[in-house]
Amino acid sequence: MEDLLIHKDEINMQMARYGVKFGLYKNGKFKERLFPYDPIPRVISGVDFQKLEKGLAQRVDALNCFLADIYSDKKIIKDGVIPSEFVYRSPGYLPQCEGITPPKSIYSHISGIDLVLGKDGCWYILEDNLRVPSGASYPLIARALSRRCSPDTFRNNDVVDNRSYGEMLRAVMDNVNTGGINVIFTPGRYNAAYFEHSYLAEQTESVLAESGDLFVENDCLFYRGNHGTVRVGAVYRRISDEYLDPLCFYPESLIGIPNLMEAYRAGNVAIINAPGNGVADDKGIYYFVPKMIKYYLDQEPILMNAPTFLPFFEEDMKYTLDNFDRLVIKDVAEAGGYGVVFGSQLAPEQKQDLIAKIKSEPRRFISQEIIDFQDLPIIEGSGTVMRKADLRAFVLSGSTTKVWPSGLTRFSRNPNSFVVNSSQGGGFKDTWITSL
């Protein structure tokens, strides 16, 4: 591992050469910056990973069952497990998807599950990302460049090879392909994660396409390339639901594919991940995932949620208000680290304003106990400092549900911050899983 630190500058130079960047819109302008990389890897033992693997697969299987239920029979609502308000008022619930069964009945093909390791030694799920979870390409390219700069590191350390991701993703796409080529659908060069789109297209041997390259005819999706027109059987979309099809969602969308939803409804193309998944990764729905596992799988949850309270319920509202200063409040409609407020950090006037909003819109907020999660060392200057870090694990659902033996470890660059998101200026590390 010491050899990696010696080659730190060389690895970062290679990152810059390959364009390993993360784009941000700030003050109405698009800005790209290198995604800060720290060479000290996070190490997870094979034994620990086995438990994570089982718990993550269990969770994603239950979430897929929930999505299949919500867009069909809605048994979980009828049986009183989840209040209907938490489904129909979710901004991620799309009535346009009612009655559509995706190929192989898989909704979340690629799930990004965010966890933290508490100082009590337990892993806690913080968030489920089932729409367009990003980030797998960063540890992939980091490992590839590290291996090139310091091959001895990986000869001398018992680390599970993470180069399987492209093959795993390709298998997921092939599993639901309805007949045709695999396409990764990108909104284009100015998307924040464009590097990842192009890199994953290369890794999966898929075609990277923008909306102008794709069209629907006779309820089938086609790709218009330099060598003619070919049918598309699976499209891994990297744009939000509302921009997918201007004839179904936002009519002003210039990056969507007209009639894509008609081809999807007809069963002639798989969309990865399925439109409408946002209802399952709503921060309010997060509270109910342990109940889903019991309801759909008849199992006890292997991994725990962070202790969470819903002001929607009278008892939880009282607890939230009584313990406001030691809780973190999250707006369920926000993402990327936005809308996260620590009660203890608010001025009296801000506190009263937020409490008034919670009382008037209880469905809009959740409150959580603050988990004192572990710090990891990062290089700063000529030494190391400790910073908060989380883990985004990638769960792929194809013929079976598998967890990629790697992951994206994100860390805060601010010594006083618990927020690690790349959109908030965080950096990333490789994640090593050691062999059993």
Protein backbone atom coordinates (compact mmCIF):
# COMPACT_ATOMS: atom_id res chain seq x y z
CA MET A 1 0.00 0.00 0.00
CA GLU A 2 2.91 2.36 0.65
CA ASP A 3 3.85 2.08 -3.02
CA LEU A 4 0.47 3.57 -3.94
CA LEU A 5 1.22 6.64 -1.82
CA ILE A 6 4.56 7.06 -3.60
CA HIS A 7 2.73 7.02 -6.93
CA LYS A 8 -0.09 9.33 -5.75
CA ASP A 9 0.84 12.21 -8.05
CA GLU A 10 1.30 9.92 -11.03
CA ILE A 11 -2.13 8.36 -10.48
CA ASN A 12 -3.79 11.76 -10.23
CA MET A 13 -2.03 12.90 -13.40
CA GLN A 14 -3.43 9.85 -15.16
CA MET A 15 -6.88 10.69 -13.76
CA ALA A 16 -6.65 14.14 -15.31
CA ARG A 17 -5.49 12.67 -18.63
CA TYR A 18 -8.45 10.30 -18.73
CA GLY A 19 -10.86 13.08 -17.81
CA VAL A 20 -12.06 11.59 -14.54
CA LYS A 21 -14.22 14.57 -13.76
CA PHE A 22 -17.42 15.47 -12.03
CA GLY A 23 -19.49 18.31 -13.43
CA LEU A 24 -21.46 20.79 -11.33
CA TYR A 25 -23.95 23.51 -12.14
CA LYS A 26 -23.22 26.49 -9.93
CA ASN A 27 -24.88 29.89 -10.24
CA GLY A 28 -26.40 28.78 -13.53
CA LYS A 29 -23.05 27.79 -15.06
CA PHE A 30 -21.66 24.34 -15.78
CA LYS A 31 -18.25 23.74 -14.24
CA GLU A 32 -16.15 20.61 -14.42
CA ARG A 33 -13.53 19.65 -11.91
CA LEU A 34 -11.41 16.62 -11.30
CA PHE A 35 -13.06 14.28 -8.82
CA PRO A 36 -10.55 14.39 -5.91
CA TYR A 37 -9.01 10.95 -5.42
CA ASP A 38 -7.26 9.73 -2.29
CA PRO A 39 -4.90 6.74 -2.73
CA ILE A 40 -5.40 5.21 0.73
CA PRO A 41 -8.07 2.55 0.06
CA ARG A 42 -10.91 1.62 2.30
CA VAL A 43 -10.40 -2.05 3.27
CA ILE A 44 -13.36 -4.34 4.05
CA SER A 45 -12.65 -7.90 5.11
CA GLY A 46 -14.13 -10.77 3.16
CA VAL A 47 -16.11 -11.85 6.24
CA ASP A 48 -17.66 -8.39 6.65
CA PHE A 49 -18.41 -8.20 2.96
CA GLN A 50 -20.29 -11.52 3.05
CA LYS A 51 -22.74 -10.06 5.57
CA LEU A 52 -23.05 -6.85 3.55
CA GLU A 53 -23.64 -8.90 0.42
CA LYS A 54 -26.53 -10.84 1.96
CA GLY A 55 -28.10 -7.74 3.51
CA LEU A 56 -27.84 -5.61 0.39
CA ALA A 57 -29.23 -8.32 -1.90
CA GLN A 58 -32.11 -8.86 0.54
CA ARG A 59 -32.90 -5.15 0.59
CA VAL A 60 -32.86 -4.72 -3.19
CA ASP A 61 -35.01 -7.83 -3.71
CA ALA A 62 -37.62 -6.36 -1.35
CA LEU A 63 -37.50 -2.98 -3.11
CA ASN A 64 -38.04 -4.67 -6.47
CA CYS A 65 -41.04 -6.50 -4.99
CA PHE A 66 -42.38 -3.18 -3.72
CA LEU A 67 -42.10 -1.52 -7.13
CA ALA A 68 -43.84 -4.44 -8.84
CA ASP A 69 -46.63 -4.24 -6.25
CA ILE A 70 -47.06 -0.46 -6.27
CA TYR A 71 -47.52 -0.28 -10.03
CA SER A 72 -50.00 -3.18 -10.02
CA ASP A 73 -52.05 -4.57 -7.10
CA LYS A 74 -50.83 -2.27 -4.29
CA LYS A 75 -51.27 -5.00 -1.70
CA ILE A 76 -48.85 -3.35 0.73
CA ILE A 77 -51.13 -0.30 0.85
CA LYS A 78 -54.33 -2.38 1.11
CA ASP A 79 -52.82 -4.35 3.99
CA GLY A 80 -52.00 -1.14 5.88
CA VAL A 81 -48.21 -1.57 5.90
CA ILE A 82 -47.53 1.73 4.11
CA PRO A 83 -49.98 4.68 4.13
CA SER A 84 -51.17 5.55 0.61
CA GLU A 85 -50.06 9.15 1.12
CA PHE A 86 -46.43 8.04 1.16
CA VAL A 87 -46.83 6.54 -2.28
CA TYR A 88 -49.13 8.89 -4.17
CA ARG A 89 -47.58 12.09 -2.81
CA SER A 90 -44.05 10.94 -3.56
CA PRO A 91 -42.52 13.02 -6.37
CA GLY A 92 -41.03 9.75 -7.64
CA TYR A 93 -44.39 8.04 -8.15
CA LEU A 94 -45.36 8.18 -11.84
CA PRO A 95 -48.97 7.32 -12.72
CA GLN A 96 -47.78 6.97 -16.33
CA CYS A 97 -46.07 3.73 -15.26
CA GLU A 98 -49.22 2.10 -13.86
CA GLY A 99 -49.82 -1.32 -15.34
CA ILE A 100 -46.42 -1.60 -17.06
CA THR A 101 -44.48 -4.75 -16.27
CA PRO A 102 -40.84 -4.37 -17.35
CA PRO A 103 -38.98 -7.30 -18.96
CA LYS A 104 -38.34 -10.08 -16.41
CA SER A 105 -40.29 -7.93 -13.87
CA ILE A 106 -37.05 -6.20 -12.81
CA TYR A 107 -37.38 -2.52 -11.92
CA SER A 108 -34.08 -1.63 -10.26
CA HIS A 109 -31.34 -3.30 -12.27
CA ILE A 110 -28.54 -1.18 -10.80
CA SER A 111 -29.08 -0.05 -7.21
CA GLY A 112 -26.69 2.27 -5.38
CA ILE A 113 -27.11 1.74 -1.65
CA ASP A 114 -25.37 4.25 0.62
CA LEU A 115 -24.07 2.99 3.96
CA VAL A 116 -21.91 4.16 6.81
CA LEU A 117 -19.96 2.14 9.35
CA GLY A 118 -20.80 3.37 12.81
CA LYS A 119 -18.21 3.59 15.54
CA ASP A 120 -20.24 0.84 17.20
CA GLY A 121 -19.04 -1.49 14.42
CA CYS A 122 -22.48 -1.77 12.74
CA TRP A 123 -23.26 -0.84 9.15
CA TYR A 124 -26.26 1.47 8.70
CA ILE A 125 -28.16 2.09 5.46
CA LEU A 126 -28.52 5.81 4.85
CA GLU A 127 -30.20 5.90 1.47
CA ASP A 128 -31.38 3.77 -1.46
CA ASN A 129 -30.67 5.06 -4.98
CA LEU A 130 -32.78 3.24 -7.56
CA ARG A 131 -33.19 5.78 -10.35
CA VAL A 132 -29.85 6.66 -11.93
CA PRO A 133 -27.22 5.77 -9.31
CA SER A 134 -23.79 6.93 -10.41
CA GLY A 135 -20.23 6.36 -9.29
CA ALA A 136 -19.16 2.82 -10.21
CA SER A 137 -16.77 4.04 -12.89
CA TYR A 138 -14.62 5.98 -10.43
CA PRO A 139 -13.26 3.07 -8.36
CA LEU A 140 -13.00 1.09 -11.62
CA ILE A 141 -10.71 3.61 -13.31
CA ALA A 142 -8.86 4.35 -10.05
CA ARG A 143 -8.04 0.66 -9.59
CA ALA A 144 -6.98 0.31 -13.23
CA LEU A 145 -4.61 3.29 -13.00
CA SER A 146 -3.29 2.22 -9.60
CA ARG A 147 -2.59 -1.26 -10.96
CA ARG A 148 -0.72 0.27 -13.87
CA CYS A 149 1.35 2.61 -11.68
CA SER A 150 1.98 0.11 -8.89
CA PRO A 151 1.45 -3.51 -10.01
CA ASP A 152 3.34 -4.85 -6.98
CA THR A 153 0.65 -3.44 -4.66
CA PHE A 154 -1.91 -5.84 -6.08
CA ARG A 155 0.50 -8.75 -6.29
CA ASN A 156 1.35 -8.39 -2.62
CA ASN A 157 -2.11 -7.69 -1.21
CA ASP A 158 -5.01 -10.16 -1.19
CA VAL A 159 -7.62 -7.93 -2.84
CA VAL A 160 -10.65 -9.14 -4.81
CA ASP A 161 -10.38 -8.01 -8.44
CA ASN A 162 -13.03 -5.38 -9.23
CA ARG A 163 -12.75 -5.57 -13.04
CA SER A 164 -15.90 -7.71 -13.12
CA TYR A 165 -18.26 -4.70 -13.06
CA GLY A 166 -18.45 -4.26 -16.83
CA GLU A 167 -19.17 -7.97 -17.28
CA MET A 168 -21.80 -7.91 -14.51
CA LEU A 169 -23.50 -4.86 -16.00
CA ARG A 170 -23.45 -6.37 -19.48
CA ALA A 171 -25.08 -9.55 -18.10
CA VAL A 172 -27.83 -7.45 -16.49
CA MET A 173 -28.51 -5.69 -19.79
CA ASP A 174 -28.44 -8.94 -21.78
CA ASN A 175 -30.82 -10.57 -19.30
CA VAL A 176 -33.64 -8.12 -20.07
CA ASN A 177 -32.74 -7.32 -23.69
CA THR A 178 -35.83 -7.75 -25.87
CA GLY A 179 -33.89 -8.24 -29.10
CA GLY A 180 -31.31 -5.79 -30.41
CA ILE A 181 -28.25 -3.92 -29.26
CA ASN A 182 -27.50 -2.54 -25.80
CA VAL A 183 -27.35 1.26 -25.59
CA ILE A 184 -26.20 3.63 -22.88
CA PHE A 185 -28.35 6.71 -23.31
CA THR A 186 -26.60 9.92 -22.23
CA PRO A 187 -27.93 13.49 -22.22
CA GLY A 188 -24.55 14.52 -23.58
CA ARG A 189 -21.22 16.11 -22.88
CA TYR A 190 -22.47 18.59 -20.30
CA ASN A 191 -23.96 16.06 -17.93
CA ALA A 192 -22.21 15.86 -14.55
CA ALA A 193 -21.41 12.15 -15.00
CA TYR A 194 -20.59 12.10 -18.72
CA PHE A 195 -17.20 10.50 -18.04
CA GLU A 196 -19.00 7.57 -16.46
CA HIS A 197 -21.44 7.19 -19.35
CA SER A 198 -18.68 6.87 -21.92
CA TYR A 199 -16.51 4.68 -19.70
CA LEU A 200 -19.30 2.21 -18.97
CA ALA A 201 -20.23 2.05 -22.65
CA GLU A 202 -16.66 0.94 -23.30
CA GLN A 203 -16.67 -1.53 -20.40
CA THR A 204 -19.94 -3.18 -21.47
CA GLU A 205 -19.29 -2.99 -25.23
CA SER A 206 -22.51 -0.97 -25.57
CA VAL A 207 -23.30 1.91 -27.90
CA LEU A 208 -23.15 5.38 -26.33
CA ALA A 209 -26.04 7.38 -27.77
CA GLU A 210 -27.77 10.73 -27.38
CA SER A 211 -31.42 11.47 -28.13
CA GLY A 212 -30.66 12.47 -31.74
CA ASP A 213 -29.29 8.99 -32.38
CA LEU A 214 -32.43 7.20 -31.20
CA PHE A 215 -36.00 7.08 -32.50
CA VAL A 216 -39.17 5.04 -32.08
CA GLU A 217 -41.00 3.46 -34.99
CA ASN A 218 -43.83 0.90 -34.79
CA ASP A 219 -43.41 0.80 -31.00
CA CYS A 220 -39.75 -0.27 -31.27
CA LEU A 221 -36.63 1.73 -30.40
CA PHE A 222 -33.93 2.12 -33.05
CA TYR A 223 -30.38 3.46 -33.14
CA ARG A 224 -29.33 5.50 -36.15
CA GLY A 225 -25.58 4.96 -36.62
CA ASN A 226 -22.91 5.43 -39.24
CA HIS A 227 -23.52 1.94 -40.59
CA GLY A 228 -27.31 2.04 -40.77
CA THR A 229 -30.24 1.60 -38.42
CA VAL A 230 -30.44 -1.18 -35.83
CA ARG A 231 -33.00 -2.09 -33.21
CA VAL A 232 -32.30 -1.44 -29.51
CA GLY A 233 -33.28 -4.15 -27.04
CA ALA A 234 -32.04 -2.57 -23.80
CA VAL A 235 -31.36 1.07 -23.02
CA TYR A 236 -29.42 1.99 -19.89
CA ARG A 237 -30.70 5.52 -19.50
CA ARG A 238 -28.61 8.09 -17.68
CA ILE A 239 -31.22 10.84 -17.59
CA SER A 240 -34.02 11.53 -15.13
CA ASP A 241 -37.52 10.14 -15.61
CA GLU A 242 -39.12 13.47 -16.41
CA TYR A 243 -36.86 14.06 -19.43
CA LEU A 244 -37.12 10.55 -20.95
CA ASP A 245 -40.05 11.09 -23.30
CA PRO A 246 -41.46 14.56 -24.12
CA LEU A 247 -44.76 13.00 -25.24
CA CYS A 248 -45.26 11.36 -21.83
CA PHE A 249 -43.48 13.54 -19.28
CA TYR A 250 -42.01 17.06 -19.71
CA PRO A 251 -43.06 18.26 -23.18
CA GLU A 252 -40.24 20.82 -23.16
CA SER A 253 -37.55 18.12 -22.87
CA LEU A 254 -35.02 18.37 -25.69
CA ILE A 255 -32.98 15.38 -24.56
CA GLY A 256 -35.73 12.78 -24.50
CA ILE A 257 -36.93 10.24 -27.09
CA PRO A 258 -40.50 10.78 -28.34
CA ASN A 259 -42.70 7.68 -27.85
CA LEU A 260 -40.05 5.82 -25.85
CA MET A 261 -42.68 5.01 -23.22
CA GLU A 262 -44.95 3.50 -25.88
CA ALA A 263 -42.17 1.13 -26.94
CA TYR A 264 -41.55 0.33 -23.28
CA ARG A 265 -45.24 -0.24 -22.53
CA ALA A 266 -45.44 -2.59 -25.54
CA GLY A 267 -42.61 -4.67 -24.05
CA ASN A 268 -40.31 -4.01 -26.99
CA VAL A 269 -37.45 -2.43 -25.08
CA ALA A 270 -36.05 -2.68 -21.56
CA ILE A 271 -35.33 0.61 -19.78
CA ILE A 272 -32.59 0.35 -17.16
CA ASN A 273 -33.49 1.45 -14.50
CA ALA A 274 -37.26 1.41 -14.93
CA PRO A 275 -39.13 4.74 -14.97
CA GLY A 276 -41.04 5.33 -11.75
CA ASN A 277 -38.43 3.85 -9.42
CA GLY A 278 -38.21 7.13 -7.53
CA VAL A 279 -41.21 6.13 -5.43
CA ALA A 280 -39.04 3.44 -3.82
CA ASP A 281 -36.03 5.61 -2.99
CA ASP A 282 -38.05 8.48 -1.56
CA LYS A 283 -36.58 9.32 1.86
CA GLY A 284 -40.03 8.90 3.39
CA ILE A 285 -40.41 5.40 1.91
CA TYR A 286 -36.93 4.56 3.30
CA TYR A 287 -38.54 4.33 6.75
CA PHE A 288 -40.70 1.42 5.56
CA VAL A 289 -38.02 -0.73 3.86
CA PRO A 290 -37.48 -2.99 6.92
CA LYS A 291 -41.26 -3.56 6.90
CA MET A 292 -41.09 -4.40 3.17
CA ILE A 293 -38.46 -7.07 3.84
CA LYS A 294 -40.75 -8.74 6.37
CA TYR A 295 -43.85 -8.26 4.20
CA TYR A 296 -42.53 -9.49 0.85
CA LEU A 297 -39.72 -11.86 1.86
CA ASP A 298 -40.90 -13.00 5.30
CA GLN A 299 -37.39 -12.34 6.62
CA GLU A 300 -35.81 -10.19 9.30
CA PRO A 301 -33.68 -7.35 7.89
CA ILE A 302 -29.97 -8.16 7.92
CA LEU A 303 -28.86 -4.52 7.69
CA MET A 304 -30.31 -1.69 9.75
CA ASN A 305 -31.69 1.69 8.75
CA ALA A 306 -30.42 4.70 10.62
CA PRO A 307 -32.94 5.38 13.45
CA THR A 308 -35.57 7.37 11.56
CA PHE A 309 -38.74 9.24 12.52
CA LEU A 310 -41.65 10.40 10.37
CA PRO A 311 -43.30 13.63 11.54
CA PHE A 312 -46.29 12.36 9.52
CA PHE A 313 -47.04 10.19 12.58
CA GLU A 314 -48.09 12.08 15.70
CA GLU A 315 -45.71 10.19 18.00
CA ASP A 316 -42.75 10.80 15.67
CA MET A 317 -43.66 14.47 15.30
CA LYS A 318 -43.52 14.85 19.08
CA TYR A 319 -40.17 13.04 19.26
CA THR A 320 -38.76 15.20 16.46
CA LEU A 321 -39.78 18.46 18.12
CA ASP A 322 -38.69 17.35 21.60
CA ASN A 323 -35.25 16.25 20.36
CA PHE A 324 -34.78 18.70 17.51
CA ASP A 325 -31.32 19.89 18.50
CA ARG A 326 -29.78 16.42 18.35
CA LEU A 327 -31.39 15.22 15.12
CA VAL A 328 -30.67 15.67 11.43
CA ILE A 329 -33.64 16.81 9.36
CA LYS A 330 -33.94 15.79 5.72
CA ASP A 331 -36.23 17.14 3.02
CA VAL A 332 -37.44 14.03 1.16
CA ALA A 333 -37.55 15.85 -2.19
CA GLU A 334 -33.85 16.77 -2.14
CA ALA A 335 -30.80 14.72 -3.14
CA GLY A 336 -27.03 15.03 -3.47
CA GLY A 337 -26.54 16.22 0.10
CA TYR A 338 -28.95 19.13 -0.33
CA GLY A 339 -31.83 19.64 2.09
CA VAL A 340 -29.90 18.09 4.99
CA VAL A 341 -30.00 20.20 8.15
CA PHE A 342 -28.50 19.52 11.58
CA GLY A 343 -30.85 20.90 14.23
CA SER A 344 -28.00 21.92 16.50
CA GLN A 345 -26.49 24.16 13.82
CA LEU A 346 -29.55 26.36 13.23
CA ALA A 347 -29.97 29.86 14.59
CA PRO A 348 -33.15 30.32 16.69
CA GLU A 349 -35.04 32.01 13.84
CA GLN A 350 -34.01 29.32 11.34
CA LYS A 351 -35.06 26.64 13.79
CA GLN A 352 -38.51 28.13 14.21
CA ASP A 353 -38.95 28.51 10.45
CA LEU A 354 -38.04 24.86 9.85
CA ILE A 355 -40.29 23.63 12.67
CA ALA A 356 -43.18 25.60 11.14
CA LYS A 357 -42.54 23.91 7.77
CA ILE A 358 -42.40 20.46 9.38
CA LYS A 359 -45.72 21.08 11.12
CA SER A 360 -47.40 22.33 7.95
CA GLU A 361 -45.87 19.69 5.62
CA PRO A 362 -45.10 16.62 7.76
CA ARG A 363 -44.93 14.28 4.74
CA ARG A 364 -42.09 16.38 3.32
CA PHE A 365 -39.55 15.67 6.09
CA ILE A 366 -37.89 12.87 8.02
CA SER A 367 -35.70 13.18 11.10
CA GLN A 368 -32.85 10.86 12.02
CA GLU A 369 -30.52 10.21 14.89
CA ILE A 370 -27.01 11.37 14.00
CA ILE A 371 -24.82 8.31 13.52
CA ASP A 372 -21.26 8.90 14.62
CA PHE A 373 -19.76 7.02 11.72
CA GLN A 374 -16.14 6.12 11.27
CA ASP A 375 -13.47 8.42 9.91
CA LEU A 376 -10.94 7.22 7.36
CA PRO A 377 -7.45 8.59 6.76
CA ILE A 378 -6.83 10.75 3.71
CA ILE A 379 -3.67 12.40 2.44
CA GLU A 380 -3.47 16.13 3.10
CA GLY A 381 -0.25 17.92 2.33
CA SER A 382 2.64 15.78 3.55
CA GLY A 383 0.61 13.91 6.17
CA THR A 384 -2.73 12.26 6.82
CA VAL A 385 -5.92 13.54 8.45
CA MET A 386 -9.15 11.76 9.39
CA ARG A 387 -12.39 12.51 7.54
CA LYS A 388 -15.93 11.14 7.54
CA ALA A 389 -16.58 8.60 4.78
CA ASP A 390 -19.51 6.57 3.48
CA LEU A 391 -19.78 3.69 1.03
CA ARG A 392 -21.96 3.39 -2.04
CA ALA A 393 -22.42 -0.30 -2.76
CA PHE A 394 -23.63 -1.38 -6.19
CA VAL A 395 -26.21 -4.16 -6.37
CA LEU A 396 -27.01 -5.59 -9.81
CA SER A 397 -30.25 -7.45 -10.44
CA GLY A 398 -30.30 -9.79 -13.41
CA SER A 399 -30.96 -13.51 -13.44
CA THR A 400 -29.83 -13.27 -9.79
CA THR A 401 -29.08 -10.37 -7.43
CA LYS A 402 -25.37 -9.76 -6.99
CA VAL A 403 -23.28 -7.21 -5.12
CA TRP A 404 -20.17 -5.89 -6.86
CA PRO A 405 -17.14 -6.75 -4.68
CA SER A 406 -15.94 -3.15 -4.58
CA GLY A 407 -17.74 0.16 -4.22
CA LEU A 408 -17.40 3.92 -4.14
CA THR A 409 -16.06 5.28 -0.86
CA ARG A 410 -16.73 9.01 -0.64
CA PHE A 411 -15.20 11.26 1.98
CA SER A 412 -15.73 14.78 3.21
CA ARG A 413 -12.87 17.21 2.64
CA ASN A 414 -14.26 19.43 5.37
CA PRO A 415 -13.07 18.38 8.86
CA ASN A 416 -16.38 19.48 10.41
CA SER A 417 -18.77 17.93 7.91
CA PHE A 418 -20.75 14.69 7.85
CA VAL A 419 -21.80 15.36 4.22
CA VAL A 420 -19.61 13.42 1.78
CA ASN A 421 -21.45 13.84 -1.55
CA SER A 422 -19.38 14.69 -4.61
CA SER A 423 -21.84 17.49 -5.38
CA GLN A 424 -20.83 18.99 -2.02
CA GLY A 425 -17.11 18.91 -2.82
CA GLY A 426 -16.25 15.47 -1.45
CA GLY A 427 -13.57 13.15 -2.78
CA PHE A 428 -13.38 9.41 -3.34
CA LYS A 429 -11.31 6.34 -2.56
CA ASP A 430 -11.04 2.83 -3.95
CA THR A 431 -12.72 0.11 -1.87
CA TRP A 432 -10.77 -3.09 -1.33
CA ILE A 433 -12.52 -6.32 -0.41
CA THR A 434 -10.03 -8.81 0.94
CA SER A 435 -10.36 -12.47 0.00
CA LEU A 436 -11.64 -15.01 2.51
